Each structure stands twice: as C-alpha cells, then as structure tokens.
Amino acid sequence: MKIESLVSHEQKPVAADGARDARMRMLIGPEDGATNFHMRHFEIGPGGNTPHHAHDYEHEILVLKGRGIAKTTQGDRPFQAGDVIFVPPNETHAFFNTFEERCEFICLIPAPRN
C-alpha cells in the first residue's frame, strides 16, 4: 500500500503542443505497479489550458479547486470545484482556466496495455 502526500510527487509542465501554464503530477502510475488505472493531478494557472486533443481511452475527472471551461466538440461546457467530468474515448477536448484562481483536478486514465 502507498500513502503519500500529493505534493511529494514531482510536478512537471504539460509539454504537449498547445498547453499553457498547465502542470501534472503522476500520483499513482507505472512506478507504483498500477496495472489498471493511473491517477494524475493537474494544475492550470489563470489563463492557462491543456492541449486540445483526443485519445482512444476514456478518462474521469474530479475538479478539486477553481473553475474553467471544457472545450469539446459539443461546445464550451463550464465546470467548477466539486464537479465530476467524464470524457469518452475519441472525444476532442481541452480544459481552459479563464478565471483568476488556479484550477486543480484529479484525472484517472486506464493504464496503457502493452
């Protein structure tokens, strides 16, 4: 069993093209032997965003702090702390922080299969 503080995990900038002032921590992942799911923590600064992208797996999000806009193929969708978000496979999406406070969320994804 692993029990560690969120801030004990290294935070890295999201390096994908189109990302701005977005950072990620891998909370539970391959280094922990997690074979089914990976848990990540994202922070997006005011005016920042994740890249506009799609992938072949679903992911689930719990918004911890702040608020923002999810840009999807169905239009812009506002979200705020306490919301849960489900992104189905292959849906193009990005998360924008258009507000003055930092936005934070937990994101679960399936572990890659080899």
Protein backbone atom coordinates (compact mmCIF):
# COMPACT_ATOMS: atom_id res chain seq x y z
CA MET A 1 0.00 0.00 0.00
CA LYS A 2 1.16 3.51 -0.80
CA ILE A 3 0.22 6.54 1.28
CA GLU A 4 1.95 9.77 0.29
CA SER A 5 1.18 13.45 0.21
CA LEU A 6 0.06 14.92 -3.11
CA VAL A 7 2.86 17.50 -3.01
CA SER A 8 5.53 14.80 -2.51
CA HIS A 9 5.10 13.89 -6.20
CA GLU A 10 7.16 15.74 -8.77
CA GLN A 11 5.17 18.32 -10.69
CA LYS A 12 6.09 18.72 -14.37
CA PRO A 13 4.86 21.12 -17.05
CA VAL A 14 2.46 19.60 -19.57
CA ALA A 15 4.78 19.53 -22.59
CA ALA A 16 2.20 18.85 -25.33
CA ASP A 17 1.80 21.44 -28.09
CA GLY A 18 -0.90 23.95 -27.23
CA ALA A 19 -0.62 23.59 -23.44
CA ARG A 20 -0.15 26.81 -21.48
CA ASP A 21 0.60 27.12 -17.73
CA ALA A 22 -0.56 23.53 -17.10
CA ARG A 23 1.30 21.17 -14.76
CA MET A 24 0.85 17.49 -13.91
CA ARG A 25 1.81 15.11 -11.11
CA MET A 26 1.63 11.34 -11.63
CA LEU A 27 0.16 10.27 -8.29
CA ILE A 28 -0.25 6.57 -9.00
CA GLY A 29 1.27 5.07 -12.11
CA PRO A 30 3.67 2.55 -13.60
CA GLU A 31 6.36 3.15 -10.97
CA ASP A 32 3.83 2.01 -8.33
CA GLY A 33 2.96 -1.16 -10.26
CA ALA A 34 -0.51 0.16 -11.12
CA THR A 35 -1.64 -2.08 -13.97
CA ASN A 36 -5.27 -0.99 -14.36
CA PHE A 37 -5.51 2.77 -13.75
CA HIS A 38 -3.24 5.79 -13.42
CA MET A 39 -4.13 8.77 -11.23
CA ARG A 40 -2.85 12.22 -12.13
CA HIS A 41 -3.20 15.67 -10.56
CA PHE A 42 -3.37 18.71 -12.84
CA GLU A 43 -3.00 22.40 -12.04
CA ILE A 44 -3.86 25.07 -14.58
CA GLY A 45 -2.90 28.65 -13.85
CA PRO A 46 -5.13 31.63 -14.63
CA GLY A 47 -5.30 31.98 -18.42
CA GLY A 48 -3.76 28.53 -18.90
CA ASN A 49 -5.06 25.42 -20.63
CA THR A 50 -4.41 21.80 -21.51
CA PRO A 51 -3.89 20.99 -25.20
CA HIS A 52 -6.86 20.41 -27.50
CA HIS A 53 -6.61 16.68 -28.17
CA ALA A 54 -8.35 13.29 -28.32
CA HIS A 55 -7.27 9.76 -27.43
CA ASP A 56 -8.70 6.26 -27.68
CA TYR A 57 -9.41 5.86 -23.95
CA GLU A 58 -11.89 7.39 -21.54
CA HIS A 59 -10.96 9.41 -18.51
CA GLU A 60 -12.68 10.58 -15.38
CA ILE A 61 -12.03 13.89 -13.64
CA LEU A 62 -12.83 15.31 -10.20
CA VAL A 63 -12.45 19.09 -10.00
CA LEU A 64 -10.86 19.99 -6.66
CA LYS A 65 -10.39 23.76 -6.90
CA GLY A 66 -11.31 26.65 -9.16
CA ARG A 67 -13.38 26.61 -12.29
CA GLY A 68 -12.97 26.69 -16.03
CA ILE A 69 -14.31 25.82 -19.45
CA ALA A 70 -14.12 22.40 -21.09
CA LYS A 71 -13.92 22.91 -24.84
CA THR A 72 -15.50 19.94 -26.61
CA THR A 73 -16.96 19.03 -29.97
CA GLN A 74 -20.36 19.78 -28.39
CA GLY A 75 -19.32 23.32 -27.46
CA ASP A 76 -17.96 25.02 -24.35
CA ARG A 77 -19.01 23.47 -21.03
CA PRO A 78 -18.35 25.31 -17.75
CA PHE A 79 -17.09 23.37 -14.72
CA GLN A 80 -16.24 24.21 -11.12
CA ALA A 81 -14.88 22.70 -7.90
CA GLY A 82 -16.93 19.67 -6.89
CA ASP A 83 -17.89 18.73 -10.46
CA VAL A 84 -17.10 15.35 -12.00
CA ILE A 85 -16.35 15.08 -15.71
CA PHE A 86 -16.44 12.00 -17.95
CA VAL A 87 -14.56 12.25 -21.26
CA PRO A 88 -15.45 9.34 -23.57
CA PRO A 89 -12.86 7.80 -25.88
CA ASN A 90 -12.01 9.79 -29.01
CA GLU A 91 -13.80 12.98 -27.90
CA THR A 92 -11.72 16.06 -28.69
CA HIS A 93 -11.35 18.19 -25.56
CA ALA A 94 -9.27 20.78 -23.70
CA PHE A 95 -9.60 22.41 -20.30
CA PHE A 96 -9.22 26.19 -20.02
CA ASN A 97 -8.87 28.25 -16.87
CA THR A 98 -10.41 31.61 -17.77
CA PHE A 99 -10.62 32.76 -14.15
CA GLU A 100 -8.29 34.40 -11.62
CA GLU A 101 -7.60 31.44 -9.32
CA ARG A 102 -5.65 28.26 -10.01
CA CYS A 103 -7.73 25.29 -11.19
CA GLU A 104 -6.89 21.81 -9.88
CA PHE A 105 -8.31 18.41 -10.76
CA ILE A 106 -7.66 14.69 -10.40
CA CYS A 107 -7.74 12.69 -13.65
CA LEU A 108 -7.99 8.90 -13.88
CA ILE A 109 -6.99 7.07 -17.06
CA PRO A 110 -6.60 3.39 -17.91
CA ALA A 111 -3.03 2.10 -17.74
CA PRO A 112 -1.55 1.61 -21.21
CA ARG A 113 -1.67 -2.02 -22.39
CA ASN A 114 1.49 -3.44 -23.94
